[in-house]
Protein backbone atom coordinates (compact mmCIF):
# COMPACT_ATOMS: atom_id res chain seq x y z
CA GLN A 1 -14.01 -1.32 6.19
CA LYS A 2 -17.82 -0.67 6.22
CA ALA A 3 -17.47 3.01 5.51
CA SER A 4 -18.47 4.26 1.67
CA VAL A 5 -16.05 4.60 -0.93
CA GLU A 6 -17.21 8.15 -1.16
CA TYR A 7 -16.42 9.00 2.57
CA LYS A 8 -12.93 6.92 2.10
CA ARG A 9 -12.33 9.29 -1.01
CA SER A 10 -13.07 12.31 0.70
CA LYS A 11 -10.68 11.42 3.90
CA ALA A 12 -8.23 10.42 1.12
CA LEU A 13 -8.62 13.99 -0.63
CA GLY A 14 -7.66 15.56 2.81
CA ALA A 15 -4.50 13.50 3.04
CA ALA A 16 -3.27 14.54 -0.44
CA ARG A 17 -4.17 18.01 -0.02
CA HIS A 18 -2.18 17.75 3.41
CA ILE A 19 0.81 15.78 1.22
CA GLU A 20 1.18 18.82 -1.18
CA LYS A 21 1.07 21.34 1.61
CA TYR A 22 4.19 19.46 2.85
CA VAL A 23 5.97 19.15 -0.48
CA ALA A 24 5.53 23.19 -0.71
CA ASP A 25 6.55 23.59 2.80
CA TYR A 26 9.52 21.05 2.82
CA PRO A 27 10.62 20.66 -1.26
CA GLY A 28 12.85 17.73 -1.23
CA ARG A 29 11.99 15.82 2.08
CA PRO A 30 11.17 12.43 1.51
CA ILE A 31 7.14 11.20 1.80
CA GLU A 32 6.64 7.52 2.44
CA ILE A 33 2.82 6.27 2.95
CA LEU A 34 1.90 3.20 5.54
CA GLY A 35 -1.36 1.93 4.79
CA PHE A 36 -3.03 -1.00 7.05
CA SER A 37 -6.34 -2.54 6.32
CA ALA A 38 -9.06 -0.16 5.02
CA GLY A 39 -6.32 2.73 5.35
CA THR A 40 -4.66 0.69 1.85
CA ALA A 41 -7.56 2.26 0.17
CA VAL A 42 -7.36 5.40 1.65
CA GLY A 43 -3.55 5.34 0.96
CA ILE A 44 -4.61 4.56 -2.81
CA PHE A 45 -6.86 6.89 -3.33
CA ALA A 46 -4.85 9.61 -1.34
CA LEU A 47 -2.39 9.24 -4.42
CA GLU A 48 -4.96 9.44 -7.25
CA ALA A 49 -6.10 12.53 -5.58
CA LEU A 50 -2.36 14.04 -5.88
CA ALA A 51 -1.89 17.03 -8.15
CA PRO A 52 0.15 15.80 -11.12
CA ASP A 53 3.51 16.83 -10.24
CA THR A 54 3.05 15.92 -6.51
CA LYS A 55 5.12 12.74 -5.71
CA VAL A 56 5.91 10.67 -2.80
CA ASN A 57 8.88 8.29 -2.07
CA ASN A 58 7.06 4.83 -1.30
CA ILE A 59 3.52 3.00 -0.05
CA VAL A 60 3.73 0.10 1.98
CA LEU A 61 0.23 -1.56 2.38
CA LEU A 62 -0.26 -4.36 4.87
CA GLY A 63 -3.42 -6.25 5.27
CA ALA A 64 -4.88 -4.49 2.14
CA SER A 65 -8.22 -5.14 2.10
CA ILE A 66 -8.54 -3.28 -1.65
CA SER A 67 -9.55 -5.53 -4.16
CA HIS A 68 -6.55 -7.41 -5.93
CA ASP A 69 -7.53 -6.33 -9.48
CA TYR A 70 -7.78 -2.60 -8.47
CA ASP A 71 -6.16 -0.31 -11.30
CA LEU A 72 -3.42 1.14 -9.62
CA THR A 73 -2.46 3.36 -12.87
CA GLU A 74 -2.94 6.93 -11.43
CA ALA A 75 -1.99 5.94 -8.06
CA LEU A 76 1.61 4.31 -9.06
CA LYS A 77 2.33 7.64 -11.64
CA HIS A 78 2.56 9.70 -7.91
CA VAL A 79 5.05 7.21 -6.76
CA ASP A 80 8.84 7.66 -7.31
CA GLY A 81 9.98 4.37 -5.69
CA LYS A 82 7.81 1.30 -5.35
CA LEU A 83 4.44 0.27 -3.67
CA TYR A 84 5.53 -2.46 -1.29
CA ILE A 85 2.58 -4.91 -0.53
CA PHE A 86 3.02 -7.63 2.10
CA THR A 87 0.86 -10.46 1.61
CA THR A 88 -0.36 -13.55 3.82
CA THR A 89 -2.60 -16.60 2.79
CA HIS A 90 -3.02 -16.77 6.67
CA ASP A 91 -5.36 -13.79 7.22
CA LYS A 92 -8.36 -14.80 8.08
CA MET A 93 -10.26 -11.69 8.48
CA VAL A 94 -9.07 -10.62 4.90
CA GLY A 95 -9.38 -13.99 3.21
CA PHE A 96 -12.75 -14.93 4.83
CA PHE A 97 -14.82 -11.73 5.69
CA MET A 98 -13.98 -10.16 2.87
CA LYS A 99 -17.26 -12.17 1.09
CA PHE A 100 -19.31 -10.59 3.47
CA THR A 101 -18.44 -7.35 3.84
CA GLY A 102 -16.91 -6.50 0.56
CA THR A 103 -13.27 -4.92 0.12
CA THR A 104 -12.77 -1.21 0.89
CA ASP A 105 -13.62 -0.14 -2.68
CA ARG A 106 -16.62 -2.57 -2.19
CA LYS A 107 -16.18 -5.60 -4.15
CA TYR A 108 -17.76 -8.95 -2.61
CA ASP A 109 -16.57 -11.39 -4.89
CA ASP A 110 -12.81 -10.72 -4.18
CA ALA A 111 -10.84 -11.75 -0.90
CA GLY A 112 -8.43 -8.60 -1.02
CA ALA A 113 -4.92 -7.78 -2.24
CA ASP A 114 -3.66 -9.12 0.82
CA ILE A 115 -3.81 -12.74 0.18
CA HIS A 116 -1.87 -12.72 -3.08
CA GLY A 117 -1.37 -9.07 -3.97
CA PHE A 118 -2.19 -7.24 -6.64
CA VAL A 119 -2.86 -8.57 -10.70
CA LEU A 120 -3.28 -6.14 -13.88
CA PRO A 121 -6.90 -4.94 -14.36
CA ALA A 122 -8.76 -6.23 -17.68
CA ASN A 123 -7.74 -4.47 -20.74
CA ALA A 124 -4.44 -2.93 -18.79
CA SER A 125 -2.60 -0.56 -20.90
CA ASP A 126 0.92 -0.39 -22.09
CA GLU A 127 1.39 1.99 -19.48
CA THR A 128 -0.23 0.21 -16.50
CA ARG A 129 1.72 -3.19 -17.34
CA ARG A 130 4.90 -0.81 -17.12
CA LEU A 131 3.92 0.88 -14.02
CA TYR A 132 3.00 -2.70 -12.23
CA ALA A 133 6.25 -3.90 -13.39
CA GLU A 134 8.45 -1.77 -12.27
CA LYS A 135 6.72 0.03 -8.84
CA ILE A 136 5.00 -3.07 -7.04
CA VAL A 137 7.24 -5.28 -5.03
CA THR A 138 4.89 -8.11 -3.38
CA ILE A 139 6.46 -9.60 -0.55
CA PRO A 140 4.93 -12.87 0.57
CA TRP A 141 4.54 -13.84 4.19
CA THR A 142 7.25 -16.17 4.93
CA GLU A 143 7.87 -18.39 8.63
CA GLU A 144 11.06 -16.31 8.72
CA MET A 145 8.52 -13.40 9.59
CA LYS A 146 7.56 -15.22 12.81
CA LYS A 147 10.76 -14.18 14.59
CA SER A 148 9.02 -10.64 14.45
CA GLY A 149 5.53 -11.66 15.77
CA ASP A 150 3.94 -11.55 12.54
CA TYR A 151 2.20 -15.14 12.18
CA GLY A 152 0.42 -14.35 8.99
CA HIS A 153 -2.86 -13.13 11.06
CA HIS A 154 -4.34 -9.63 9.94
CA PHE A 155 -2.95 -7.52 12.82
CA ASP A 156 0.77 -9.51 13.05
CA ASN A 157 2.47 -7.21 10.51
CA ILE A 158 1.53 -4.14 12.51
CA LYS A 159 3.44 -5.17 15.56
CA MET A 160 6.52 -2.79 16.42
CA GLU A 161 9.15 -5.62 16.02
CA PHE A 162 7.55 -6.27 12.41
CA ILE A 163 7.58 -3.04 11.47
CA ARG A 164 11.29 -2.49 12.74
CA ASP A 165 12.74 -5.82 10.83
CA HIS A 166 10.51 -5.42 7.72
CA VAL A 167 9.06 -2.34 6.95
CA ALA A 168 11.62 0.17 8.04
CA PRO A 169 14.11 -1.18 6.18
CA LEU A 170 12.30 -0.85 2.75
CA LEU A 171 11.47 2.95 3.61
CA ILE A 172 15.03 4.04 5.63
CA GLU A 173 17.28 5.59 2.68
CA LYS A 174 20.94 4.41 3.27
CA PRO A 175 23.72 7.06 3.56
CA THR A 176 25.44 8.14 0.36
CA THR A 177 28.78 9.15 2.13
CA GLY A 178 30.83 7.55 4.61
CA THR A 179 32.52 4.18 4.98
CA PRO A 180 31.27 1.57 2.72
CA ASP A 181 29.49 -0.86 4.20
């Protein structure tokens, strides 16, 4: 969380090169990105660093401590499917401490996207508006999530049961052959 944006971008660049190599070595295989807390910024920065023709299927953000108005335009250009962000107003770590530590992209007047999700950046272009509308899916915390161990706190949504019940179904493709459901 406290590492510089430059450090996070350097780690993201390494991840982007790894993704590009994987795409070259295994064409057509799905790529999904999962980011948690400060890692949400690394995931977004990695998307931004990808070669123009490289795409991932989806990205899921949990406990997002990147600012809520971060401009996702370049990152979303590399997502074929969706950017899923799970949000909660119960996350005291993000909701309270970001005012003191700053978001992962170093804003001190922002509690992070984990609280309510992303908003369009100021002066958003038509392309940005389209990408946000088509790609971003905000999934707010609900009482139902308690059944999977998520009470809305910062580390709850990385529990195995939560990933199994709420994240994996977003990323696992349904079979296209066989008998219908």
